[in-house]
Amino acid sequence: MGVSGSGKTTVGKLLARELGWSFADADDFHSAANKAKMAAGHPLNDADRAPWLTALRQHIEECLASGKNVVIACSALKASYRAQLRGNSDAIKWVHLHGSPELIRSRLASRSGHYMRAQMLDSQLATLEPPKHALTVDVAATPAEIVDQIRRALHL
């Protein structure tokens, strides 16, 4: 979890590949309307996010019910979002990819083909409620180093 540009997809895909798990990007669960709103430079509100969170929770429930291990790259910026996604499961582990706003802004500015724009970072940082019960990893490291740190800390 973390703000856009923190490396969630890159790190998540690498971690999933190394573990032999599946990978899901929460961005793929957004409606076309949500993607268009963000592409136009407008932050989503809780009403916009409600169906997205419901769809993600359903995916998580399906994975838990089938015993399927999955890495999900998801912003999950608020504690209430994480609580909804977690449900009653203790099997879910949170990794907060955290970095300086300057580093993340530079990554967003150099990214092409994504609807999330660099100017949206401030709204995400304002919304972010850092998790109390998560592994927090500095994104200044390389993706491979971040994955290694996650695997060691979570005993994977």
Protein backbone atom coordinates (compact mmCIF):
# COMPACT_ATOMS: atom_id res chain seq x y z
CA MET A 1 0.00 0.00 0.00
CA GLY A 2 1.00 3.60 -0.47
CA VAL A 3 0.52 6.63 -2.64
CA SER A 4 0.76 6.51 -6.42
CA GLY A 5 4.34 6.41 -7.59
CA SER A 6 5.59 4.57 -4.51
CA GLY A 7 6.28 1.44 -6.54
CA LYS A 8 3.35 -0.74 -5.49
CA THR A 9 2.91 -2.41 -8.87
CA THR A 10 6.61 -2.88 -9.61
CA VAL A 11 7.39 -4.26 -6.15
CA GLY A 12 4.17 -6.26 -5.96
CA LYS A 13 4.74 -8.01 -9.28
CA LEU A 14 8.33 -8.85 -8.36
CA LEU A 15 7.34 -10.12 -4.92
CA ALA A 16 4.52 -12.25 -6.35
CA ARG A 17 6.82 -13.70 -9.01
CA GLU A 18 9.50 -14.60 -6.46
CA LEU A 19 6.93 -16.25 -4.17
CA GLY A 20 5.05 -18.01 -6.96
CA TRP A 21 1.86 -16.19 -5.93
CA SER A 22 -0.65 -14.40 -8.09
CA PHE A 23 -0.69 -10.63 -8.43
CA ALA A 24 -3.58 -8.18 -8.63
CA ASP A 25 -3.43 -4.45 -9.19
CA ALA A 26 -6.20 -2.58 -7.39
CA ASP A 27 -6.19 -0.03 -10.22
CA ASP A 28 -7.78 -2.72 -12.40
CA PHE A 29 -10.81 -2.76 -10.07
CA HIS A 30 -11.59 0.95 -10.63
CA SER A 31 -14.53 1.86 -12.82
CA ALA A 32 -13.99 3.68 -16.09
CA ALA A 33 -15.61 6.73 -14.47
CA ASN A 34 -13.08 6.70 -11.61
CA LYS A 35 -10.17 6.39 -14.02
CA ALA A 36 -11.53 9.26 -16.12
CA LYS A 37 -12.00 11.42 -13.04
CA MET A 38 -8.41 10.84 -11.91
CA ALA A 39 -7.08 11.36 -15.44
CA ALA A 40 -8.83 14.74 -15.46
CA GLY A 41 -6.90 15.66 -12.31
CA HIS A 42 -9.76 15.25 -9.82
CA PRO A 43 -9.20 13.21 -6.66
CA LEU A 44 -11.66 10.48 -5.81
CA ASN A 45 -13.90 10.84 -2.79
CA ASP A 46 -15.16 8.10 -0.49
CA ALA A 47 -18.35 7.66 -2.54
CA ASP A 48 -16.23 7.09 -5.67
CA ARG A 49 -14.10 4.55 -3.83
CA ALA A 50 -16.97 2.57 -2.24
CA PRO A 51 -17.68 0.23 -5.20
CA TRP A 52 -13.95 -0.16 -5.80
CA LEU A 53 -13.36 -1.23 -2.19
CA THR A 54 -16.30 -3.63 -2.38
CA ALA A 55 -14.89 -5.24 -5.54
CA LEU A 56 -11.45 -5.55 -3.96
CA ARG A 57 -12.88 -7.09 -0.79
CA GLN A 58 -14.79 -9.61 -2.88
CA HIS A 59 -11.57 -10.55 -4.68
CA ILE A 60 -9.78 -10.94 -1.34
CA GLU A 61 -12.61 -13.13 0.01
CA GLU A 62 -12.40 -15.34 -3.09
CA CYS A 63 -8.64 -15.72 -2.66
CA LEU A 64 -8.99 -16.53 1.05
CA ALA A 65 -11.78 -19.04 0.43
CA SER A 66 -9.75 -20.86 -2.22
CA GLY A 67 -6.49 -20.75 -0.26
CA LYS A 68 -4.87 -18.74 -3.04
CA ASN A 69 -1.94 -16.54 -2.03
CA VAL A 70 -1.97 -13.16 -3.71
CA VAL A 71 -0.05 -9.90 -3.61
CA ILE A 72 -2.35 -6.93 -4.19
CA ALA A 73 -0.98 -3.50 -5.03
CA CYS A 74 -3.47 -1.06 -3.54
CA SER A 75 -3.26 2.51 -2.28
CA ALA A 76 -5.43 1.75 0.81
CA LEU A 77 -4.71 5.27 2.05
CA LYS A 78 -7.17 5.41 4.96
CA ALA A 79 -7.44 3.15 7.99
CA SER A 80 -11.14 2.67 7.20
CA TYR A 81 -10.26 1.38 3.71
CA ARG A 82 -7.74 -1.08 5.15
CA ALA A 83 -10.29 -2.24 7.74
CA GLN A 84 -12.84 -2.89 5.00
CA LEU A 85 -10.31 -4.76 2.90
CA ARG A 86 -9.07 -6.82 5.85
CA GLY A 87 -12.50 -7.83 7.11
CA ASN A 88 -12.02 -10.37 9.90
CA SER A 89 -8.96 -11.98 8.37
CA ASP A 90 -5.65 -12.13 10.20
CA ALA A 91 -4.06 -13.58 7.05
CA ILE A 92 -3.68 -10.16 5.42
CA LYS A 93 -0.33 -8.46 5.88
CA TRP A 94 0.21 -4.80 5.04
CA VAL A 95 3.40 -3.38 3.55
CA HIS A 96 3.50 0.42 3.40
CA LEU A 97 5.79 1.66 0.64
CA HIS A 98 6.87 5.06 1.89
CA GLY A 99 9.18 7.66 0.45
CA SER A 100 9.89 11.34 0.23
CA PRO A 101 7.31 13.39 -1.66
CA GLU A 102 10.10 14.69 -3.91
CA LEU A 103 11.18 11.19 -4.96
CA ILE A 104 7.61 10.04 -5.57
CA ARG A 105 6.72 13.23 -7.45
CA SER A 106 9.73 12.71 -9.75
CA ARG A 107 8.62 9.14 -10.44
CA LEU A 108 5.09 10.26 -11.27
CA ALA A 109 6.40 13.00 -13.55
CA SER A 110 8.48 10.51 -15.55
CA ARG A 111 5.68 7.95 -15.85
CA SER A 112 3.72 7.73 -19.08
CA GLY A 113 0.48 6.00 -19.96
CA HIS A 114 -1.01 6.12 -16.47
CA TYR A 115 -4.07 8.12 -15.48
CA MET A 116 -2.61 9.21 -12.15
CA ARG A 117 -0.89 12.56 -12.59
CA ALA A 118 1.90 14.07 -10.49
CA GLN A 119 -0.33 16.95 -9.38
CA MET A 120 -2.62 14.41 -7.65
CA LEU A 121 0.13 13.41 -5.21
CA ASP A 122 -0.67 16.22 -2.77
CA SER A 123 -4.26 15.01 -2.38
CA GLN A 124 -3.06 11.46 -1.78
CA LEU A 125 -0.52 12.59 0.81
CA ALA A 126 -3.24 14.63 2.54
CA THR A 127 -5.53 11.58 2.59
CA LEU A 128 -2.87 9.10 3.73
CA GLU A 129 -3.31 7.76 7.24
CA PRO A 130 -0.05 5.89 7.84
CA PRO A 131 -0.80 2.38 9.07
CA LYS A 132 0.00 1.48 12.65
CA HIS A 133 0.31 -2.24 12.00
CA ALA A 134 2.29 -2.57 8.81
CA LEU A 135 5.79 -3.15 7.62
CA THR A 136 6.98 0.26 6.39
CA VAL A 137 9.64 0.16 3.69
CA ASP A 138 11.55 3.11 2.23
CA VAL A 139 11.11 3.20 -1.54
CA ALA A 140 14.48 4.85 -2.15
CA ALA A 141 15.93 1.33 -2.39
CA THR A 142 15.78 -0.73 -5.58
CA PRO A 143 12.73 -2.93 -6.17
CA ALA A 144 14.85 -6.05 -5.59
CA GLU A 145 16.13 -4.66 -2.27
CA ILE A 146 12.59 -3.75 -1.22
CA VAL A 147 11.33 -7.24 -2.05
CA ASP A 148 14.22 -8.79 -0.11
CA GLN A 149 13.40 -6.60 2.89
CA ILE A 150 9.72 -7.59 2.71
CA ARG A 151 10.50 -11.28 2.44
CA ARG A 152 12.88 -11.18 5.40
CA ALA A 153 10.57 -9.12 7.62
CA LEU A 154 7.48 -11.23 6.84
CA HIS A 155 9.40 -14.54 6.82
CA LEU A 156 8.38 -15.35 3.24
